[in-house]
Amino acid sequence: MCAEYENLERTKILFAQNIGECKVKTCAKHLEVLLEELYTTTDTEIVNILLPHIRELIEDPPTSVLAAWYLFDPFSRVLGPQRTSETLLDSIVKLYEN
């Protein structure tokens, strides 16, 4: 009986990891296209809309490492150093502390 539950738990964890990986990689793919067309001086509303979603992916345990790896750099280039440190630094520091 316990072996069945252990297998079930392993399967659930693997599914969660696969779903998280798909979320981040899909977001990175679409974000790359969107950010290429973005004018950072005039399209700040788009960045403000995307920022909570990016932060959520960085802070969510199943997606945190991949999100930091795939999303932080392209998004921080758009934000610039000052705004990146104001908005994403805490999330990245929490990731390294855990």
N, C-alpha and C. Protein backbone atom coordinates (compact mmCIF):
# COMPACT_ATOMS: atom_id res chain seq x y z
N MET A 1 0.81 -1.19 0.00
CA MET A 1 0.00 0.00 0.00
C MET A 1 0.86 1.27 0.00
N CYS A 2 1.88 1.29 0.84
CA CYS A 2 2.74 2.47 0.91
C CYS A 2 3.51 2.69 -0.39
N ALA A 3 3.91 1.61 -1.02
CA ALA A 3 4.64 1.73 -2.29
C ALA A 3 3.79 2.40 -3.35
N GLU A 4 2.50 2.10 -3.36
CA GLU A 4 1.60 2.73 -4.32
C GLU A 4 1.53 4.23 -4.10
N TYR A 5 1.44 4.65 -2.84
CA TYR A 5 1.37 6.07 -2.53
C TYR A 5 2.69 6.77 -2.84
N GLU A 6 3.81 6.09 -2.60
CA GLU A 6 5.10 6.67 -2.94
C GLU A 6 5.23 6.88 -4.44
N ASN A 7 4.80 5.90 -5.21
CA ASN A 7 4.82 6.04 -6.67
C ASN A 7 3.90 7.16 -7.13
N LEU A 8 2.75 7.26 -6.50
CA LEU A 8 1.81 8.32 -6.85
C LEU A 8 2.41 9.69 -6.54
N GLU A 9 3.05 9.83 -5.40
CA GLU A 9 3.68 11.10 -5.03
C GLU A 9 4.81 11.45 -5.99
N ARG A 10 5.61 10.47 -6.35
CA ARG A 10 6.69 10.71 -7.32
C ARG A 10 6.13 11.19 -8.65
N THR A 11 5.06 10.54 -9.08
CA THR A 11 4.42 10.91 -10.34
C THR A 11 3.88 12.33 -10.28
N LYS A 12 3.26 12.70 -9.17
CA LYS A 12 2.73 14.06 -9.00
C LYS A 12 3.86 15.08 -9.05
N ILE A 13 4.97 14.77 -8.41
CA ILE A 13 6.11 15.69 -8.41
C ILE A 13 6.67 15.85 -9.82
N LEU A 14 6.80 14.74 -10.54
CA LEU A 14 7.30 14.81 -11.91
C LEU A 14 6.37 15.61 -12.82
N PHE A 15 5.07 15.43 -12.65
CA PHE A 15 4.12 16.22 -13.44
C PHE A 15 4.24 17.70 -13.11
N ALA A 16 4.35 18.03 -11.84
CA ALA A 16 4.49 19.44 -11.44
C ALA A 16 5.76 20.04 -12.03
N GLN A 17 6.85 19.28 -12.03
CA GLN A 17 8.09 19.78 -12.61
C GLN A 17 7.96 19.98 -14.12
N ASN A 18 7.32 19.04 -14.79
CA ASN A 18 7.14 19.16 -16.24
C ASN A 18 6.24 20.34 -16.59
N ILE A 19 5.18 20.52 -15.83
CA ILE A 19 4.28 21.65 -16.07
C ILE A 19 5.02 22.96 -15.84
N GLY A 20 5.79 23.04 -14.76
CA GLY A 20 6.57 24.24 -14.47
C GLY A 20 7.57 24.55 -15.57
N GLU A 21 8.23 23.51 -16.07
CA GLU A 21 9.19 23.69 -17.15
C GLU A 21 8.50 24.21 -18.41
N CYS A 22 7.35 23.65 -18.73
CA CYS A 22 6.60 24.12 -19.91
C CYS A 22 6.15 25.56 -19.76
N LYS A 23 5.70 25.93 -18.56
CA LYS A 23 5.27 27.31 -18.30
C LYS A 23 6.42 28.29 -18.58
N VAL A 24 7.57 28.00 -17.99
CA VAL A 24 8.70 28.92 -18.09
C VAL A 24 9.22 29.00 -19.52
N LYS A 25 9.38 27.86 -20.17
CA LYS A 25 9.93 27.87 -21.53
C LYS A 25 8.98 28.52 -22.52
N THR A 26 7.68 28.31 -22.34
CA THR A 26 6.71 28.97 -23.21
C THR A 26 6.72 30.48 -22.97
N CYS A 27 6.77 30.86 -21.72
CA CYS A 27 6.82 32.28 -21.38
C CYS A 27 8.09 32.92 -21.96
N ALA A 28 9.22 32.24 -21.83
CA ALA A 28 10.48 32.78 -22.35
C ALA A 28 10.43 32.95 -23.86
N LYS A 29 9.85 31.98 -24.53
CA LYS A 29 9.75 32.05 -26.00
C LYS A 29 8.90 33.24 -26.44
N HIS A 30 7.74 33.41 -25.82
CA HIS A 30 6.86 34.51 -26.19
C HIS A 30 7.39 35.85 -25.70
N LEU A 31 8.04 35.85 -24.56
CA LEU A 31 8.60 37.08 -24.01
C LEU A 31 9.70 37.62 -24.91
N GLU A 32 10.51 36.74 -25.45
CA GLU A 32 11.59 37.15 -26.35
C GLU A 32 11.04 37.90 -27.56
N VAL A 33 9.99 37.37 -28.16
CA VAL A 33 9.37 38.00 -29.32
C VAL A 33 8.75 39.34 -28.92
N LEU A 34 8.06 39.36 -27.81
CA LEU A 34 7.39 40.59 -27.36
C LEU A 34 8.40 41.68 -27.01
N LEU A 35 9.46 41.31 -26.33
CA LEU A 35 10.44 42.32 -25.90
C LEU A 35 11.23 42.90 -27.07
N GLU A 36 11.37 42.14 -28.14
CA GLU A 36 12.05 42.67 -29.32
C GLU A 36 11.26 43.80 -29.96
N GLU A 37 9.95 43.74 -29.86
CA GLU A 37 9.08 44.75 -30.46
C GLU A 37 8.75 45.90 -29.51
N LEU A 38 9.27 45.84 -28.31
CA LEU A 38 8.90 46.77 -27.26
C LEU A 38 9.81 48.00 -27.27
N TYR A 39 9.22 49.16 -27.13
CA TYR A 39 9.97 50.38 -26.93
C TYR A 39 9.91 50.71 -25.45
N THR A 40 11.03 50.60 -24.77
CA THR A 40 11.02 50.71 -23.31
C THR A 40 10.64 52.10 -22.83
N THR A 41 10.81 53.11 -23.65
CA THR A 41 10.47 54.46 -23.20
C THR A 41 8.98 54.73 -23.29
N THR A 42 8.29 54.09 -24.21
CA THR A 42 6.86 54.38 -24.39
C THR A 42 5.95 53.23 -23.98
N ASP A 43 6.45 52.03 -23.92
CA ASP A 43 5.61 50.86 -23.62
C ASP A 43 5.77 50.38 -22.18
N THR A 44 5.83 51.30 -21.25
CA THR A 44 6.01 50.91 -19.85
C THR A 44 4.80 50.18 -19.29
N GLU A 45 3.61 50.42 -19.86
CA GLU A 45 2.42 49.72 -19.37
C GLU A 45 2.54 48.22 -19.57
N ILE A 46 3.09 47.82 -20.71
CA ILE A 46 3.26 46.39 -21.00
C ILE A 46 4.21 45.76 -20.00
N VAL A 47 5.30 46.45 -19.70
CA VAL A 47 6.26 45.95 -18.72
C VAL A 47 5.60 45.84 -17.35
N ASN A 48 4.80 46.83 -16.99
CA ASN A 48 4.11 46.80 -15.69
C ASN A 48 3.09 45.66 -15.61
N ILE A 49 2.50 45.30 -16.72
CA ILE A 49 1.55 44.18 -16.75
C ILE A 49 2.30 42.85 -16.62
N LEU A 50 3.44 42.73 -17.27
CA LEU A 50 4.20 41.48 -17.26
C LEU A 50 4.97 41.25 -15.96
N LEU A 51 5.35 42.31 -15.30
CA LEU A 51 6.22 42.21 -14.12
C LEU A 51 5.67 41.30 -13.02
N PRO A 52 4.40 41.42 -12.61
CA PRO A 52 3.91 40.51 -11.56
C PRO A 52 3.94 39.04 -11.97
N HIS A 53 3.70 38.77 -13.24
CA HIS A 53 3.73 37.38 -13.71
C HIS A 53 5.16 36.83 -13.67
N ILE A 54 6.12 37.62 -14.10
CA ILE A 54 7.52 37.21 -14.07
C ILE A 54 7.96 36.99 -12.62
N ARG A 55 7.59 37.91 -11.75
CA ARG A 55 7.95 37.78 -10.34
C ARG A 55 7.33 36.53 -9.73
N GLU A 56 6.09 36.24 -10.08
CA GLU A 56 5.42 35.04 -9.57
C GLU A 56 6.14 33.77 -10.02
N LEU A 57 6.56 33.72 -11.27
CA LEU A 57 7.29 32.56 -11.77
C LEU A 57 8.63 32.40 -11.06
N ILE A 58 9.29 33.50 -10.75
CA ILE A 58 10.57 33.44 -10.05
C ILE A 58 10.39 33.01 -8.60
N GLU A 59 9.28 33.36 -7.98
CA GLU A 59 9.06 33.04 -6.57
C GLU A 59 8.37 31.70 -6.34
N ASP A 60 7.75 31.13 -7.35
CA ASP A 60 7.03 29.86 -7.21
C ASP A 60 8.04 28.71 -7.24
N PRO A 61 8.09 27.87 -6.19
CA PRO A 61 9.12 26.82 -6.13
C PRO A 61 9.22 25.90 -7.35
N PRO A 62 8.13 25.43 -7.95
CA PRO A 62 8.30 24.55 -9.11
C PRO A 62 8.90 25.24 -10.35
N THR A 63 8.82 26.56 -10.41
CA THR A 63 9.31 27.27 -11.60
C THR A 63 10.47 28.22 -11.29
N SER A 64 10.85 28.37 -10.05
CA SER A 64 11.77 29.43 -9.65
C SER A 64 13.13 29.37 -10.34
N VAL A 65 13.76 28.22 -10.34
CA VAL A 65 15.11 28.13 -10.91
C VAL A 65 15.09 28.37 -12.41
N LEU A 66 14.18 27.70 -13.10
CA LEU A 66 14.10 27.90 -14.55
C LEU A 66 13.70 29.32 -14.91
N ALA A 67 12.80 29.91 -14.14
CA ALA A 67 12.38 31.29 -14.41
C ALA A 67 13.54 32.25 -14.24
N ALA A 68 14.31 32.07 -13.18
CA ALA A 68 15.48 32.92 -12.99
C ALA A 68 16.47 32.73 -14.13
N TRP A 69 16.61 31.50 -14.57
CA TRP A 69 17.57 31.17 -15.63
C TRP A 69 17.13 31.73 -16.98
N TYR A 70 15.87 31.57 -17.33
CA TYR A 70 15.38 31.93 -18.67
C TYR A 70 14.78 33.34 -18.76
N LEU A 71 14.20 33.85 -17.69
CA LEU A 71 13.42 35.09 -17.79
C LEU A 71 14.09 36.31 -17.19
N PHE A 72 14.94 36.12 -16.20
CA PHE A 72 15.51 37.27 -15.50
C PHE A 72 16.33 38.16 -16.43
N ASP A 73 17.24 37.58 -17.18
CA ASP A 73 18.13 38.38 -18.02
C ASP A 73 17.40 39.18 -19.09
N PRO A 74 16.54 38.56 -19.91
CA PRO A 74 15.87 39.37 -20.93
C PRO A 74 14.96 40.45 -20.34
N PHE A 75 14.30 40.12 -19.24
CA PHE A 75 13.40 41.10 -18.65
C PHE A 75 14.18 42.22 -17.96
N SER A 76 15.30 41.88 -17.34
CA SER A 76 16.09 42.92 -16.67
C SER A 76 16.74 43.86 -17.68
N ARG A 77 17.03 43.38 -18.89
CA ARG A 77 17.55 44.27 -19.93
C ARG A 77 16.54 45.35 -20.27
N VAL A 78 15.27 44.99 -20.27
CA VAL A 78 14.22 45.96 -20.58
C VAL A 78 14.01 46.92 -19.41
N LEU A 79 14.05 46.38 -18.20
CA LEU A 79 13.82 47.22 -17.02
C LEU A 79 14.97 48.18 -16.74
N GLY A 80 16.18 47.75 -17.02
CA GLY A 80 17.34 48.54 -16.66
C GLY A 80 17.80 48.19 -15.25
N PRO A 81 19.03 48.56 -14.91
CA PRO A 81 19.59 48.14 -13.62
C PRO A 81 18.84 48.68 -12.40
N GLN A 82 18.46 49.93 -12.42
CA GLN A 82 17.79 50.54 -11.27
C GLN A 82 16.44 49.89 -11.01
N ARG A 83 15.63 49.79 -12.03
CA ARG A 83 14.28 49.23 -11.86
C ARG A 83 14.34 47.73 -11.57
N THR A 84 15.31 47.03 -12.14
CA THR A 84 15.48 45.61 -11.85
C THR A 84 15.78 45.40 -10.39
N SER A 85 16.68 46.20 -9.84
CA SER A 85 17.02 46.04 -8.43
C SER A 85 15.85 46.39 -7.53
N GLU A 86 15.02 47.33 -7.96
CA GLU A 86 13.85 47.71 -7.16
C GLU A 86 12.76 46.64 -7.19
N THR A 87 12.60 45.96 -8.32
CA THR A 87 11.45 45.07 -8.48
C THR A 87 11.77 43.59 -8.38
N LEU A 88 12.94 43.16 -8.80
CA LEU A 88 13.22 41.72 -8.86
C LEU A 88 14.33 41.25 -7.93
N LEU A 89 15.07 42.17 -7.34
CA LEU A 89 16.20 41.77 -6.51
C LEU A 89 15.77 40.92 -5.32
N ASP A 90 14.70 41.30 -4.64
CA ASP A 90 14.23 40.52 -3.48
C ASP A 90 13.87 39.10 -3.88
N SER A 91 13.22 38.94 -5.01
CA SER A 91 12.83 37.60 -5.47
C SER A 91 14.05 36.74 -5.77
N ILE A 92 15.06 37.33 -6.39
CA ILE A 92 16.27 36.59 -6.73
C ILE A 92 17.05 36.24 -5.46
N VAL A 93 17.12 37.16 -4.52
CA VAL A 93 17.82 36.89 -3.26
C VAL A 93 17.14 35.77 -2.50
N LYS A 94 15.80 35.77 -2.46
CA LYS A 94 15.07 34.68 -1.80
C LYS A 94 15.36 33.34 -2.45
N LEU A 95 15.49 33.34 -3.75
CA LEU A 95 15.80 32.10 -4.47
C LEU A 95 17.16 31.56 -4.05
N TYR A 96 18.15 32.44 -3.93
CA TYR A 96 19.48 32.00 -3.53
C TYR A 96 19.54 31.61 -2.06
N GLU A 97 18.72 32.22 -1.22
CA GLU A 97 18.70 31.86 0.20
C GLU A 97 18.10 30.49 0.43
N ASN A 98 17.18 30.08 -0.43
CA ASN A 98 16.57 28.76 -0.26
C ASN A 98 17.42 27.77 -0.95
